[in-house]
């Protein structure tokens, strides 16, 4: 479940592209994982708004269970998270190869709860933890968006800064303790509807 608060009408074009690198695994992540938030999507993922400043707020809620066989036995992890995500993006009038240049940043505070058990015949080891703290900060210094009729395209590069709360002795951490880098490309084709044409929102 996500709630968005847009103080001014132009903010209806929420700006996912500044916040997640979905197409390229991040550098310096274990196993080639991506640091991007799972399930963090927008129907306007490929659209860069007109020049101006956009603010975004999301309440992101996630719950999941993992079952795996590891050398120590059967591993079960239950995780619940509720994150308050705040972001800002500035779209400039300057162009690069015909596309508008923009930059942005995102920060979040997450309430995290984790339970873990490892079971094998005659033995079960359990541990749990919870934490409410700052997440890693995401900075997107390079975002370029192109528009050609009903076709829109965005290319961006993001950096995950290890500002989140992390302790290797804890099971629950809101930071990864890594510098990570990712690139994202997002296309969108908009189709005219009976009410009128698709228009890029104009902002502050």
Protein backbone atom coordinates (compact mmCIF):
# COMPACT_ATOMS: atom_id res chain seq x y z
CA UNK A 1 0.00 0.00 0.00
CA UNK A 2 1.29 3.45 -0.92
CA UNK A 3 -0.05 6.89 -0.12
CA UNK A 4 1.16 9.94 -2.01
CA UNK A 5 0.88 13.50 -0.81
CA UNK A 6 1.29 16.18 -3.48
CA UNK A 7 1.14 19.73 -2.05
CA UNK A 8 0.68 21.27 -5.51
CA UNK A 9 -1.21 19.88 -8.54
CA UNK A 10 1.83 19.48 -10.74
CA UNK A 11 3.24 16.85 -8.40
CA UNK A 12 0.84 14.29 -9.83
CA UNK A 13 3.69 13.21 -12.12
CA UNK A 14 5.60 11.38 -9.41
CA UNK A 15 9.20 10.73 -10.31
CA UNK A 16 10.20 7.16 -9.84
CA UNK A 17 13.12 7.50 -12.24
CA UNK A 18 15.21 9.41 -9.73
CA UNK A 19 15.01 6.70 -7.15
CA UNK A 20 15.58 3.23 -8.52
CA UNK A 21 18.09 1.52 -10.81
CA UNK A 22 16.08 -1.42 -12.07
CA UNK A 23 17.88 -2.59 -15.19
CA UNK A 24 21.48 -2.91 -14.04
CA UNK A 25 22.72 -4.81 -10.96
CA UNK A 26 24.44 -2.45 -8.56
CA UNK A 27 28.20 -2.43 -8.17
CA UNK A 28 29.54 -3.60 -4.78
CA UNK A 29 26.40 -5.56 -3.88
CA UNK A 30 26.64 -9.20 -2.74
CA UNK A 31 25.61 -11.65 -5.43
CA UNK A 32 24.81 -8.89 -7.92
CA UNK A 33 21.76 -7.78 -5.94
CA UNK A 34 20.07 -4.50 -6.72
CA UNK A 35 19.62 -2.01 -3.86
CA UNK A 36 16.41 -0.69 -5.47
CA UNK A 37 13.21 -0.95 -3.44
CA UNK A 38 11.21 -4.00 -4.52
CA UNK A 39 7.82 -3.20 -6.00
CA UNK A 40 8.48 0.55 -6.08
CA UNK A 41 6.84 1.42 -9.40
CA UNK A 42 4.85 4.18 -11.09
CA UNK A 43 2.52 4.18 -14.08
CA UNK A 44 4.51 7.20 -15.37
CA UNK A 45 7.87 5.54 -14.90
CA UNK A 46 9.23 6.76 -18.23
CA UNK A 47 8.02 10.37 -18.19
CA UNK A 48 10.17 13.31 -17.17
CA UNK A 49 7.97 16.28 -16.15
CA UNK A 50 8.43 19.77 -17.56
CA UNK A 51 11.24 21.87 -16.00
CA UNK A 52 10.60 22.60 -12.33
CA UNK A 53 10.93 21.02 -8.87
CA UNK A 54 8.88 18.01 -7.76
CA UNK A 55 8.46 16.62 -4.25
CA UNK A 56 7.24 13.14 -3.44
CA UNK A 57 6.13 11.19 -0.38
CA UNK A 58 5.35 7.46 -0.30
CA UNK A 59 4.28 5.15 2.47
CA UNK A 60 5.77 1.83 1.36
CA UNK A 61 4.68 -1.33 3.20
CA UNK A 62 6.23 -4.75 2.62
CA UNK A 63 5.74 -8.17 4.16
CA UNK A 64 7.41 -11.37 3.07
CA UNK A 65 8.60 -14.84 4.06
CA UNK A 66 11.65 -16.73 2.82
CA UNK A 67 12.17 -20.50 3.09
CA UNK A 68 15.57 -21.88 2.11
CA UNK A 69 17.70 -24.95 2.70
CA UNK A 70 21.16 -23.99 3.96
CA UNK A 71 24.01 -26.19 5.29
CA UNK A 72 22.81 -25.54 8.87
CA UNK A 73 19.25 -26.72 8.11
CA UNK A 74 15.90 -25.20 7.12
CA UNK A 75 16.03 -21.40 7.17
CA UNK A 76 12.82 -19.38 7.60
CA UNK A 77 12.77 -15.58 7.64
CA UNK A 78 9.72 -13.37 8.20
CA UNK A 79 10.10 -9.68 7.46
CA UNK A 80 7.77 -6.71 7.85
CA UNK A 81 8.68 -3.15 6.89
CA UNK A 82 6.94 0.20 6.73
CA UNK A 83 8.95 2.99 5.13
CA UNK A 84 8.28 6.72 4.92
CA UNK A 85 10.01 7.75 1.70
CA UNK A 86 10.70 11.39 0.84
CA UNK A 87 12.14 12.54 -2.48
CA UNK A 88 12.86 15.64 -4.51
CA UNK A 89 13.80 16.05 -8.17
CA UNK A 90 14.76 19.17 -10.10
CA UNK A 91 14.19 19.17 -13.87
CA UNK A 92 16.31 21.82 -15.56
CA UNK A 93 15.74 23.59 -18.90
CA UNK A 94 19.17 22.42 -20.05
CA UNK A 95 19.35 19.63 -22.63
CA UNK A 96 21.73 16.75 -23.32
CA UNK A 97 21.42 15.12 -26.74
CA UNK A 98 17.94 16.62 -27.04
CA UNK A 99 16.69 15.44 -23.64
CA UNK A 100 16.08 17.49 -20.50
CA UNK A 101 18.65 17.14 -17.73
CA UNK A 102 17.47 16.56 -14.15
CA UNK A 103 18.84 15.46 -10.78
CA UNK A 104 17.27 14.20 -7.56
CA UNK A 105 17.63 12.58 -4.15
CA UNK A 106 15.63 10.29 -1.88
CA UNK A 107 15.71 9.50 1.83
CA UNK A 108 13.58 7.25 4.02
CA UNK A 109 12.89 6.21 7.60
CA UNK A 110 11.83 2.57 7.99
CA UNK A 111 10.21 0.57 10.78
CA UNK A 112 11.61 -2.94 10.33
CA UNK A 113 10.80 -6.23 12.08
CA UNK A 114 12.57 -9.55 11.35
CA UNK A 115 12.19 -13.10 12.71
CA UNK A 116 14.60 -15.89 11.74
CA UNK A 117 14.68 -19.60 12.56
CA UNK A 118 17.08 -22.34 11.52
CA UNK A 119 15.76 -25.85 12.10
CA UNK A 120 17.22 -29.33 11.80
CA UNK A 121 16.31 -32.62 13.51
CA UNK A 122 16.47 -32.11 17.26
CA UNK A 123 17.46 -28.43 17.16
CA UNK A 124 15.85 -25.09 16.34
CA UNK A 125 17.68 -21.77 16.68
CA UNK A 126 15.60 -18.59 16.60
CA UNK A 127 16.44 -14.90 16.70
CA UNK A 128 14.53 -11.71 16.03
CA UNK A 129 15.00 -7.97 15.92
CA UNK A 130 13.31 -4.69 15.16
CA UNK A 131 14.51 -1.22 14.32
CA UNK A 132 13.19 2.18 13.28
CA UNK A 133 15.93 4.20 11.61
CA UNK A 134 17.22 6.06 8.55
CA UNK A 135 17.77 4.17 5.30
CA UNK A 136 20.63 4.60 2.86
CA UNK A 137 20.35 7.86 0.93
CA UNK A 138 19.89 7.71 -2.85
CA UNK A 139 21.33 10.49 -5.01
CA UNK A 140 20.63 10.63 -8.76
CA UNK A 141 23.06 13.19 -10.22
CA UNK A 142 22.29 12.30 -13.84
CA UNK A 143 18.77 11.99 -15.25
CA UNK A 144 17.88 12.71 -18.88
CA UNK A 145 14.38 12.49 -20.34
CA UNK A 146 13.31 12.56 -24.00
CA UNK A 147 9.86 13.09 -25.55
CA UNK A 148 8.73 12.26 -29.09
CA UNK A 149 4.97 12.48 -29.49
CA UNK A 150 3.46 9.67 -27.43
CA UNK A 151 6.85 8.07 -26.76
CA UNK A 152 8.85 9.03 -23.66
CA UNK A 153 12.20 7.74 -22.42
CA UNK A 154 14.32 8.29 -19.31
CA UNK A 155 17.90 7.26 -18.57
CA UNK A 156 19.35 7.81 -15.10
CA UNK A 157 22.28 6.93 -12.85
CA UNK A 158 21.84 6.63 -9.09
CA UNK A 159 24.23 6.29 -6.14
CA UNK A 160 23.24 4.61 -2.86
CA UNK A 161 25.17 6.23 0.01
CA UNK A 162 25.65 4.06 3.15
CA UNK A 163 23.94 6.49 5.54
CA UNK A 164 21.47 3.94 6.92
CA UNK A 165 21.63 2.34 10.34
CA UNK A 166 23.81 -0.79 10.25
CA UNK A 167 25.34 -3.13 12.82
CA UNK A 168 26.76 -6.49 11.72
CA UNK A 169 25.72 -8.07 15.03
CA UNK A 170 22.01 -7.26 14.42
CA UNK A 171 19.52 -9.18 12.33
CA UNK A 172 17.54 -6.01 11.49
CA UNK A 173 19.29 -3.20 9.63
CA UNK A 174 17.90 -0.32 7.59
CA UNK A 175 21.24 0.26 5.83
CA UNK A 176 23.39 -2.07 3.73
CA UNK A 177 26.80 -0.59 4.66
CA UNK A 178 27.77 -0.45 0.96
CA UNK A 179 28.31 2.20 -1.67
CA UNK A 180 26.23 1.09 -4.65
CA UNK A 181 25.73 2.37 -8.18
CA UNK A 182 23.01 1.56 -10.69
CA UNK A 183 21.76 2.72 -14.08
CA UNK A 184 18.10 2.73 -15.11
CA UNK A 185 16.39 3.07 -18.49
CA UNK A 186 12.61 3.43 -18.62
CA UNK A 187 10.41 3.83 -21.73
CA UNK A 188 6.73 4.77 -21.79
CA UNK A 189 4.24 4.94 -24.66
CA UNK A 190 1.18 7.07 -23.86
CA UNK A 191 -2.08 6.53 -25.74
CA UNK A 192 -4.67 9.22 -26.41
CA UNK A 193 -7.87 8.66 -24.41
CA UNK A 194 -11.44 9.83 -25.18
CA UNK A 195 -11.16 12.70 -22.71
CA UNK A 196 -8.08 14.29 -24.23
CA UNK A 197 -4.39 14.01 -24.93
CA UNK A 198 -1.69 12.99 -22.50
CA UNK A 199 0.22 16.03 -21.28
CA UNK A 200 3.35 16.37 -19.24
CA UNK A 201 2.55 18.13 -15.97
CA UNK A 202 4.03 21.55 -15.40
CA UNK A 203 5.54 22.18 -12.03
CA UNK A 204 7.07 24.87 -9.85
